[in-house]
Amino acid sequence: MPPGGNISFDATLAGAEVPGPKRASLKVVAEGAPRVLEIRVRAEVSDAVRAVPMAIQPPPNGPAEGRIVIESLDRQPFSVLSSDRRTPSFIGFDPRRFHPESTYVIRTDLGELAPEMLPALWLIETDRADCPVIAVRVREPSKVVPSVLRLPEYVLSLGAFRPGETREIELLSNEPMEPDPQVRGGDPIALRVVGGEQAGRRWRLRMQATAPAQATGAFLTEVEVQVGDRVQRLPAYGTVRGEPAPDASAAAQR
């Protein structure tokens, strides 16, 4: 390349497994250049509906009462079904009087809870099929998950289930999860390991997940993944709602 010239190249940034900011750096080495050029990259990983902020700070370092803005990126109206698994406390909106909107402000209150009673995630449930549950992190030190296994994310999104539905979910790892990985917990979702394989530079652990026959709404639970003598705890979340799955209805009739 001549002095003062330019060159173009493509770079790809892999998104995180859960919504939130994503930061990376790209280092460019040119022959004869006196130093390495570092390009910093920042992006946001988001579902069709996002929460601002994506993390809230409880007392004493944060306010007892706060607010979260919930907005659809495509500006389509939607409904908020629950906030922290309870009836949402809206600011400036009354669902009994107004039609659904594309943006809401929801009140949060963490002041009356002892640290050990705080949720690891503040869950916001919507009626959007492409974003049934939004998880906002609660920055409480006692809720920090120690990293035992090398995972890209230390939270597990189980998504939306119909009552009685069984489907496969996966957990990605930056190291092989063998031999004989085991999974425990997950109530109200029943989990069991069904397999695993290499997925590019990562390992994919496949699990079968079955929802209860009765709808429960949004849930926050804990899952333990054991590989050898190492046990990794993970907060897991999702929702169970809607009509029973066809196979569940048939099983109930039998």
C-alpha atoms as a PDB file:
ATOM      1  CA  MET A   1       0.000   0.000   0.000  1.00  0.00           C
ATOM      2  CA  PRO A   2       1.506   3.385  -0.951  1.00  0.00           C
ATOM      3  CA  PRO A   3       1.993   6.182   1.598  1.00  0.00           C
ATOM      4  CA  GLY A   4      -1.336   7.890   2.267  1.00  0.00           C
ATOM      5  CA  GLY A   5      -3.231   4.974   0.748  1.00  0.00           C
ATOM      6  CA  ASN A   6      -5.988   2.972   2.385  1.00  0.00           C
ATOM      7  CA  ILE A   7      -7.148  -0.587   2.651  1.00  0.00           C
ATOM      8  CA  SER A   8     -10.491  -2.091   3.608  1.00  0.00           C
ATOM      9  CA  PHE A   9     -11.212  -5.306   5.490  1.00  0.00           C
ATOM     10  CA  ASP A  10     -14.155  -7.008   7.198  1.00  0.00           C
ATOM     11  CA  ALA A  11     -14.396  -7.790  10.904  1.00  0.00           C
ATOM     12  CA  THR A  12     -17.122  -9.681  12.759  1.00  0.00           C
ATOM     13  CA  LEU A  13     -18.216  -9.156  16.358  1.00  0.00           C
ATOM     14  CA  ALA A  14     -19.991 -12.123  17.935  1.00  0.00           C
ATOM     15  CA  GLY A  15     -22.988 -11.148  20.045  1.00  0.00           C
ATOM     16  CA  ALA A  16     -23.348 -12.169  23.668  1.00  0.00           C
ATOM     17  CA  GLU A  17     -25.772 -14.903  24.711  1.00  0.00           C
ATOM     18  CA  VAL A  18     -27.874 -12.438  26.721  1.00  0.00           C
ATOM     19  CA  PRO A  19     -28.816  -8.794  26.030  1.00  0.00           C
ATOM     20  CA  GLY A  20     -26.471  -6.035  27.146  1.00  0.00           C
ATOM     21  CA  PRO A  21     -23.431  -4.037  26.037  1.00  0.00           C
ATOM     22  CA  LYS A  22     -20.668  -5.831  24.156  1.00  0.00           C
ATOM     23  CA  ARG A  23     -17.118  -4.502  23.995  1.00  0.00           C
ATOM     24  CA  ALA A  24     -14.134  -5.770  22.050  1.00  0.00           C
ATOM     25  CA  SER A  25     -10.925  -4.515  20.485  1.00  0.00           C
ATOM     26  CA  LEU A  26      -9.381  -5.147  17.095  1.00  0.00           C
ATOM     27  CA  LYS A  27      -5.598  -4.994  16.721  1.00  0.00           C
ATOM     28  CA  VAL A  28      -4.169  -4.219  13.300  1.00  0.00           C
ATOM     29  CA  VAL A  29      -0.521  -4.951  12.519  1.00  0.00           C
ATOM     30  CA  ALA A  30       0.969  -3.420   9.360  1.00  0.00           C
ATOM     31  CA  GLU A  31       4.363  -4.360   8.019  1.00  0.00           C
ATOM     32  CA  GLY A  32       6.817  -1.544   8.670  1.00  0.00           C
ATOM     33  CA  ALA A  33       4.449   0.323  10.991  1.00  0.00           C
ATOM     34  CA  PRO A  34       6.074   1.470  14.256  1.00  0.00           C
ATOM     35  CA  ARG A  35       3.188   0.346  16.457  1.00  0.00           C
ATOM     36  CA  VAL A  36       0.046  -1.798  16.610  1.00  0.00           C
ATOM     37  CA  LEU A  37      -3.185   0.020  15.842  1.00  0.00           C
ATOM     38  CA  GLU A  38      -5.961  -0.861  18.291  1.00  0.00           C
ATOM     39  CA  ILE A  39      -9.571  -0.230  17.269  1.00  0.00           C
ATOM     40  CA  ARG A  40     -12.116  -0.382  20.067  1.00  0.00           C
ATOM     41  CA  VAL A  41     -15.573  -1.650  19.221  1.00  0.00           C
ATOM     42  CA  ARG A  42     -18.737  -1.217  21.247  1.00  0.00           C
ATOM     43  CA  ALA A  43     -22.144  -2.672  20.435  1.00  0.00           C
ATOM     44  CA  GLU A  44     -25.417  -3.471  22.141  1.00  0.00           C
ATOM     45  CA  VAL A  45     -26.989  -6.907  22.045  1.00  0.00           C
ATOM     46  CA  SER A  46     -30.747  -6.535  22.309  1.00  0.00           C
ATOM     47  CA  ASP A  47     -33.969  -8.445  21.844  1.00  0.00           C
ATOM     48  CA  ALA A  48     -36.953  -6.967  20.019  1.00  0.00           C
ATOM     49  CA  VAL A  49     -37.814  -5.205  23.289  1.00  0.00           C
ATOM     50  CA  ARG A  50     -35.113  -3.726  25.481  1.00  0.00           C
ATOM     51  CA  ALA A  51     -34.788  -2.366  28.982  1.00  0.00           C
ATOM     52  CA  VAL A  52     -32.879   0.798  29.898  1.00  0.00           C
ATOM     53  CA  PRO A  53     -30.906   0.415  32.083  1.00  0.00           C
ATOM     54  CA  MET A  54     -30.008  -3.278  31.801  1.00  0.00           C
ATOM     55  CA  ALA A  55     -28.856  -3.347  35.441  1.00  0.00           C
ATOM     56  CA  ILE A  56     -30.143  -1.737  38.638  1.00  0.00           C
ATOM     57  CA  GLN A  57     -28.233  -0.959  41.824  1.00  0.00           C
ATOM     58  CA  PRO A  58     -30.010  -1.657  45.156  1.00  0.00           C
ATOM     59  CA  PRO A  59     -29.385   0.286  48.378  1.00  0.00           C
ATOM     60  CA  PRO A  60     -27.115   1.349  49.993  1.00  0.00           C
ATOM     61  CA  ASN A  61     -25.227   2.234  46.785  1.00  0.00           C
ATOM     62  CA  GLY A  62     -28.395   2.803  44.753  1.00  0.00           C
ATOM     63  CA  PRO A  63     -31.828   4.341  45.312  1.00  0.00           C
ATOM     64  CA  ALA A  64     -34.582   2.408  47.058  1.00  0.00           C
ATOM     65  CA  GLU A  65     -36.966   3.282  44.224  1.00  0.00           C
ATOM     66  CA  GLY A  66     -35.924   3.475  40.601  1.00  0.00           C
ATOM     67  CA  ARG A  67     -37.348   3.237  37.125  1.00  0.00           C
ATOM     68  CA  ILE A  68     -36.797   1.129  34.023  1.00  0.00           C
ATOM     69  CA  VAL A  69     -37.753   2.172  30.493  1.00  0.00           C
ATOM     70  CA  ILE A  70     -39.132  -0.694  28.374  1.00  0.00           C
ATOM     71  CA  GLU A  71     -39.289  -0.023  24.634  1.00  0.00           C
ATOM     72  CA  SER A  72     -39.796  -1.973  21.429  1.00  0.00           C
ATOM     73  CA  LEU A  73     -37.082  -1.385  18.847  1.00  0.00           C
ATOM     74  CA  ASP A  74     -39.560  -1.617  15.957  1.00  0.00           C
ATOM     75  CA  ARG A  75     -41.850   0.916  17.718  1.00  0.00           C
ATOM     76  CA  GLN A  76     -44.750  -1.563  17.657  1.00  0.00           C
ATOM     77  CA  PRO A  77     -47.127  -1.432  20.661  1.00  0.00           C
ATOM     78  CA  PHE A  78     -46.991  -4.277  23.172  1.00  0.00           C
ATOM     79  CA  SER A  79     -48.122  -5.027  26.727  1.00  0.00           C
ATOM     80  CA  VAL A  80     -46.103  -5.545  29.890  1.00  0.00           C
ATOM     81  CA  LEU A  81     -47.617  -8.514  31.718  1.00  0.00           C
ATOM     82  CA  SER A  82     -45.548  -8.527  34.900  1.00  0.00           C
ATOM     83  CA  SER A  83     -42.623  -6.819  36.611  1.00  0.00           C
ATOM     84  CA  ASP A  84     -40.588  -8.833  39.130  1.00  0.00           C
ATOM     85  CA  ARG A  85     -43.369 -11.446  38.722  1.00  0.00           C
ATOM     86  CA  ARG A  86     -45.987  -9.017  40.024  1.00  0.00           C
ATOM     87  CA  THR A  87     -48.432  -6.492  38.550  1.00  0.00           C
ATOM     88  CA  PRO A  88     -46.340  -3.736  36.916  1.00  0.00           C
ATOM     89  CA  SER A  89     -46.200  -0.332  38.619  1.00  0.00           C
ATOM     90  CA  PHE A  90     -46.333   2.035  35.643  1.00  0.00           C
ATOM     91  CA  ILE A  91     -45.305   5.690  35.714  1.00  0.00           C
ATOM     92  CA  GLY A  92     -47.603   7.869  33.580  1.00  0.00           C
ATOM     93  CA  PHE A  93     -49.621   4.977  32.136  1.00  0.00           C
ATOM     94  CA  ASP A  94     -52.835   3.230  33.200  1.00  0.00           C
ATOM     95  CA  PRO A  95     -53.549  -0.031  31.309  1.00  0.00           C
ATOM     96  CA  ARG A  96     -57.239   0.274  32.258  1.00  0.00           C
ATOM     97  CA  ARG A  97     -57.566   3.591  30.393  1.00  0.00           C
ATOM     98  CA  PHE A  98     -55.022   3.567  27.569  1.00  0.00           C
ATOM     99  CA  HIS A  99     -54.218   1.329  24.629  1.00  0.00           C
ATOM    100  CA  PRO A 100     -50.877  -0.535  24.572  1.00  0.00           C
ATOM    101  CA  GLU A 101     -47.867   1.610  23.719  1.00  0.00           C
ATOM    102  CA  SER A 102     -44.355   1.038  22.389  1.00  0.00           C
ATOM    103  CA  THR A 103     -42.602   2.539  25.438  1.00  0.00           C
ATOM    104  CA  TYR A 104     -43.284   2.252  29.165  1.00  0.00           C
ATOM    105  CA  VAL A 105     -41.658   3.470  32.349  1.00  0.00           C
ATOM    106  CA  ILE A 106     -41.879   0.978  35.199  1.00  0.00           C
ATOM    107  CA  ARG A 107     -41.186   1.680  38.851  1.00  0.00           C
ATOM    108  CA  THR A 108     -38.820  -0.590  40.807  1.00  0.00           C
ATOM    109  CA  ASP A 109     -38.606  -0.828  44.596  1.00  0.00           C
ATOM    110  CA  LEU A 110     -35.686  -2.629  46.270  1.00  0.00           C
ATOM    111  CA  GLY A 111     -35.614  -0.664  49.500  1.00  0.00           C
ATOM    112  CA  GLU A 112     -37.628  -3.024  51.708  1.00  0.00           C
ATOM    113  CA  LEU A 113     -35.739  -6.210  50.853  1.00  0.00           C
ATOM    114  CA  ALA A 114     -32.739  -7.560  52.762  1.00  0.00           C
ATOM    115  CA  PRO A 115     -29.719  -8.293  50.519  1.00  0.00           C
ATOM    116  CA  GLU A 116     -30.248 -12.057  50.741  1.00  0.00           C
ATOM    117  CA  MET A 117     -33.873 -11.627  49.597  1.00  0.00           C
ATOM    118  CA  LEU A 118     -33.067  -9.565  46.510  1.00  0.00           C
ATOM    119  CA  PRO A 119     -33.576 -11.307  43.162  1.00  0.00           C
ATOM    120  CA  ALA A 120     -30.514 -11.922  40.988  1.00  0.00           C
ATOM    121  CA  LEU A 121     -32.581 -10.685  38.026  1.00  0.00           C
ATOM    122  CA  TRP A 122     -35.544  -8.308  37.824  1.00  0.00           C
ATOM    123  CA  LEU A 123     -37.829 -10.018  35.293  1.00  0.00           C
ATOM    124  CA  ILE A 124     -40.160  -8.085  33.003  1.00  0.00           C
ATOM    125  CA  GLU A 125     -42.674 -10.201  31.082  1.00  0.00           C
ATOM    126  CA  THR A 126     -44.197  -8.974  27.817  1.00  0.00           C
ATOM    127  CA  ASP A 127     -46.776 -10.303  25.356  1.00  0.00           C
ATOM    128  CA  ARG A 128     -44.255 -10.221  22.490  1.00  0.00           C
ATOM    129  CA  ALA A 129     -43.586 -13.722  21.168  1.00  0.00           C
ATOM    130  CA  ASP A 130     -40.089 -12.638  20.082  1.00  0.00           C
ATOM    131  CA  CYS A 131     -39.241 -11.276  23.546  1.00  0.00           C
ATOM    132  CA  PRO A 132     -41.351 -12.943  26.249  1.00  0.00           C
ATOM    133  CA  VAL A 133     -39.101 -12.083  29.206  1.00  0.00           C
ATOM    134  CA  ILE A 134     -36.475  -9.382  29.767  1.00  0.00           C
ATOM    135  CA  ALA A 135     -33.912  -9.936  32.533  1.00  0.00           C
ATOM    136  CA  VAL A 136     -32.466  -6.845  34.234  1.00  0.00           C
ATOM    137  CA  ARG A 137     -29.472  -7.595  36.438  1.00  0.00           C
ATOM    138  CA  VAL A 138     -29.596  -6.638  40.119  1.00  0.00           C
ATOM    139  CA  ARG A 139     -26.115  -5.532  41.166  1.00  0.00           C
ATOM    140  CA  GLU A 140     -26.087  -7.067  44.632  1.00  0.00           C
ATOM    141  CA  PRO A 141     -22.638  -8.498  45.597  1.00  0.00           C
ATOM    142  CA  SER A 142     -24.175 -11.561  47.260  1.00  0.00           C
ATOM    143  CA  LYS A 143     -25.849 -12.470  43.945  1.00  0.00           C
ATOM    144  CA  VAL A 144     -22.608 -12.560  41.934  1.00  0.00           C
ATOM    145  CA  VAL A 145     -22.154 -16.043  40.453  1.00  0.00           C
ATOM    146  CA  PRO A 146     -18.616 -17.450  40.912  1.00  0.00           C
ATOM    147  CA  SER A 147     -17.130 -18.646  37.611  1.00  0.00           C
ATOM    148  CA  VAL A 148     -16.278 -22.324  38.051  1.00  0.00           C
ATOM    149  CA  LEU A 149     -16.680 -23.399  34.421  1.00  0.00           C
ATOM    150  CA  ARG A 150     -15.501 -21.192  31.547  1.00  0.00           C
ATOM    151  CA  LEU A 151     -18.794 -20.005  30.061  1.00  0.00           C
ATOM    152  CA  PRO A 152     -19.479 -17.067  27.720  1.00  0.00           C
ATOM    153  CA  GLU A 153     -22.385 -16.011  29.989  1.00  0.00           C
ATOM    154  CA  TYR A 154     -23.288 -16.867  33.573  1.00  0.00           C
ATOM    155  CA  VAL A 155     -27.063 -16.700  33.194  1.00  0.00           C
ATOM    156  CA  LEU A 156     -29.363 -19.130  31.391  1.00  0.00           C
ATOM    157  CA  SER A 157     -32.378 -17.941  29.408  1.00  0.00           C
ATOM    158  CA  LEU A 158     -34.915 -20.760  29.050  1.00  0.00           C
ATOM    159  CA  GLY A 159     -37.420 -18.722  27.018  1.00  0.00           C
ATOM    160  CA  ALA A 160     -41.192 -19.220  26.846  1.00  0.00           C
ATOM    161  CA  PHE A 161     -42.940 -22.570  27.312  1.00  0.00           C
ATOM    162  CA  ARG A 162     -46.496 -23.696  26.856  1.00  0.00           C
ATOM    163  CA  PRO A 163     -47.829 -25.731  29.801  1.00  0.00           C
ATOM    164  CA  GLY A 164     -46.546 -29.287  29.520  1.00  0.00           C
ATOM    165  CA  GLU A 165     -44.246 -28.467  26.585  1.00  0.00           C
ATOM    166  CA  THR A 166     -40.958 -30.327  26.155  1.00  0.00           C
ATOM    167  CA  ARG A 167     -38.175 -28.945  24.021  1.00  0.00           C
ATOM    168  CA  GLU A 168     -34.401 -28.839  23.796  1.00  0.00           C
ATOM    169  CA  ILE A 169     -32.267 -25.972  25.048  1.00  0.00           C
ATOM    170  CA  GLU A 170     -28.513 -25.556  25.002  1.00  0.00           C
ATOM    171  CA  LEU A 171     -25.741 -24.139  27.135  1.00  0.00           C
ATOM    172  CA  LEU A 172     -22.515 -22.999  25.463  1.00  0.00           C
ATOM    173  CA  SER A 173     -19.137 -23.431  27.130  1.00  0.00           C
ATOM    174  CA  ASN A 174     -15.620 -22.284  26.286  1.00  0.00           C
ATOM    175  CA  GLU A 175     -14.264 -25.662  27.434  1.00  0.00           C
ATOM    176  CA  PRO A 176     -15.305 -29.301  26.904  1.00  0.00           C
ATOM    177  CA  MET A 177     -18.071 -30.290  29.328  1.00  0.00           C
ATOM    178  CA  GLU A 178     -17.086 -33.890  29.867  1.00  0.00           C
ATOM    179  CA  PRO A 179     -17.101 -36.516  31.159  1.00  0.00           C
ATOM    180  CA  ASP A 180     -20.730 -37.195  32.082  1.00  0.00           C
ATOM    181  CA  PRO A 181     -22.107 -33.670  32.725  1.00  0.00           C
ATOM    182  CA  GLN A 182     -25.087 -33.468  35.069  1.00  0.00           C
ATOM    183  CA  VAL A 183     -27.747 -30.790  35.581  1.00  0.00           C
ATOM    184  CA  ARG A 184     -29.846 -30.165  38.693  1.00  0.00           C
ATOM    185  CA  GLY A 185     -32.502 -27.667  39.717  1.00  0.00           C
ATOM    186  CA  GLY A 186     -34.497 -25.485  37.358  1.00  0.00           C
ATOM    187  CA  ASP A 187     -37.867 -25.724  39.126  1.00  0.00           C
ATOM    188  CA  PRO A 188     -40.560 -25.359  37.758  1.00  0.00           C
ATOM    189  CA  ILE A 189     -38.789 -26.565  34.585  1.00  0.00           C
ATOM    190  CA  ALA A 190     -37.568 -30.174  34.652  1.00  0.00           C
ATOM    191  CA  LEU A 191     -34.118 -30.464  33.045  1.00  0.00           C
ATOM    192  CA  ARG A 192     -31.951 -33.377  31.975  1.00  0.00           C
ATOM    193  CA  VAL A 193     -28.820 -33.668  29.846  1.00  0.00           C
ATOM    194  CA  VAL A 194     -29.374 -35.378  26.490  1.00  0.00           C
ATOM    195  CA  GLY A 195     -26.019 -34.822  24.786  1.00  0.00           C
ATOM    196  CA  GLY A 196     -23.185 -32.531  23.894  1.00  0.00           C
ATOM    197  CA  GLU A 197     -20.785 -31.823  21.054  1.00  0.00           C
ATOM    198  CA  GLN A 198     -18.147 -29.432  19.811  1.00  0.00           C
ATOM    199  CA  ALA A 199     -19.603 -26.276  18.241  1.00  0.00           C
ATOM    200  CA  GLY A 200     -16.796 -24.401  16.495  1.00  0.00           C
ATOM    201  CA  ARG A 201     -14.443 -23.230  19.227  1.00  0.00           C
ATOM    202  CA  ARG A 202     -17.054 -23.917  21.901  1.00  0.00           C
ATOM    203  CA  TRP A 203     -18.829 -26.881  23.447  1.00  0.00           C
ATOM    204  CA  ARG A 204     -22.606 -27.198  23.255  1.00  0.00           C
ATOM    205  CA  LEU A 205     -24.396 -28.951  26.122  1.00  0.00           C
ATOM    206  CA  ARG A 206     -27.884 -30.030  25.066  1.00  0.00           C
ATOM    207  CA  MET A 207     -30.646 -30.371  27.660  1.00  0.00           C
ATOM    208  CA  GLN A 208     -34.259 -31.495  27.496  1.00  0.00           C
ATOM    209  CA  ALA A 209     -36.578 -29.050  29.285  1.00  0.00           C
ATOM    210  CA  THR A 210     -40.184 -29.842  30.282  1.00  0.00           C
ATOM    211  CA  ALA A 211     -42.607 -27.239  31.653  1.00  0.00           C
ATOM    212  CA  PRO A 212     -45.254 -28.065  34.264  1.00  0.00           C
ATOM    213  CA  ALA A 213     -48.758 -28.873  33.042  1.00  0.00           C
ATOM    214  CA  GLN A 214     -50.170 -25.772  34.771  1.00  0.00           C
ATOM    215  CA  ALA A 215     -49.169 -22.259  33.712  1.00  0.00           C
ATOM    216  CA  THR A 216     -46.981 -20.415  36.246  1.00  0.00           C
ATOM    217  CA  GLY A 217     -46.022 -17.145  34.490  1.00  0.00           C
ATOM    218  CA  ALA A 218     -42.499 -15.762  34.686  1.00  0.00           C
ATOM    219  CA  PHE A 219     -40.047 -17.698  36.860  1.00  0.00           C
ATOM    220  CA  LEU A 220     -36.550 -17.157  38.259  1.00  0.00           C
ATOM    221  CA  THR A 221     -34.690 -20.217  39.442  1.00  0.00           C
ATOM    222  CA  GLU A 222     -31.200 -21.662  39.827  1.00  0.00           C
ATOM    223  CA  VAL A 223     -29.544 -24.411  37.813  1.00  0.00           C
ATOM    224  CA  GLU A 224     -26.447 -26.386  38.790  1.00  0.00           C
ATOM    225  CA  VAL A 225     -24.261 -27.870  36.068  1.00  0.00           C
ATOM    226  CA  GLN A 226     -21.743 -30.423  37.324  1.00  0.00           C
ATOM    227  CA  VAL A 227     -18.733 -31.553  35.284  1.00  0.00           C
ATOM    228  CA  GLY A 228     -16.520 -33.954  37.206  1.00  0.00           C
ATOM    229  CA  ASP A 229     -16.114 -32.489  40.693  1.00  0.00           C
ATOM    230  CA  ARG A 230     -16.839 -28.917  39.559  1.00  0.00           C
ATOM    231  CA  VAL A 231     -20.293 -27.392  40.055  1.00  0.00           C
ATOM    232  CA  GLN A 232     -21.374 -24.218  38.294  1.00  0.00           C
ATOM    233  CA  ARG A 233     -24.417 -22.345  39.633  1.00  0.00           C
ATOM    234  CA  LEU A 234     -26.447 -20.309  37.135  1.00  0.00           C
ATOM    235  CA  PRO A 235     -29.536 -18.137  37.552  1.00  0.00           C
ATOM    236  CA  ALA A 236     -32.117 -19.250  34.986  1.00  0.00           C
ATOM    237  CA  TYR A 237     -35.325 -17.549  33.900  1.00  0.00           C
ATOM    238  CA  GLY A 238     -38.246 -17.874  31.530  1.00  0.00           C
ATOM    239  CA  THR A 239     -42.030 -18.058  31.482  1.00  0.00           C
ATOM    240  CA  VAL A 240     -44.786 -20.680  31.217  1.00  0.00           C
ATOM    241  CA  ARG A 241     -48.072 -19.484  29.738  1.00  0.00           C
ATOM    242  CA  GLY A 242     -50.691 -20.042  27.051  1.00  0.00           C
ATOM    243  CA  GLU A 243     -52.625 -23.117  25.997  1.00  0.00           C
ATOM    244  CA  PRO A 244     -51.229 -26.557  26.899  1.00  0.00           C
ATOM    245  CA  ALA A 245     -48.929 -28.125  24.350  1.00  0.00           C
ATOM    246  CA  PRO A 246     -50.733 -30.731  22.129  1.00  0.00           C
ATOM    247  CA  ASP A 247     -48.658 -33.630  23.454  1.00  0.00           C
ATOM    248  CA  ALA A 248     -49.329 -32.499  27.046  1.00  0.00           C
ATOM    249  CA  SER A 249     -53.111 -32.411  26.423  1.00  0.00           C
ATOM    250  CA  ALA A 250     -53.017 -35.904  24.909  1.00  0.00           C
ATOM    251  CA  ALA A 251     -51.026 -37.223  27.844  1.00  0.00           C
ATOM    252  CA  ALA A 252     -53.531 -35.688  30.299  1.00  0.00           C
ATOM    253  CA  GLN A 253     -56.446 -37.380  28.509  1.00  0.00           C
ATOM    254  CA  ARG A 254     -54.729 -40.766  28.701  1.00  0.00           C
END
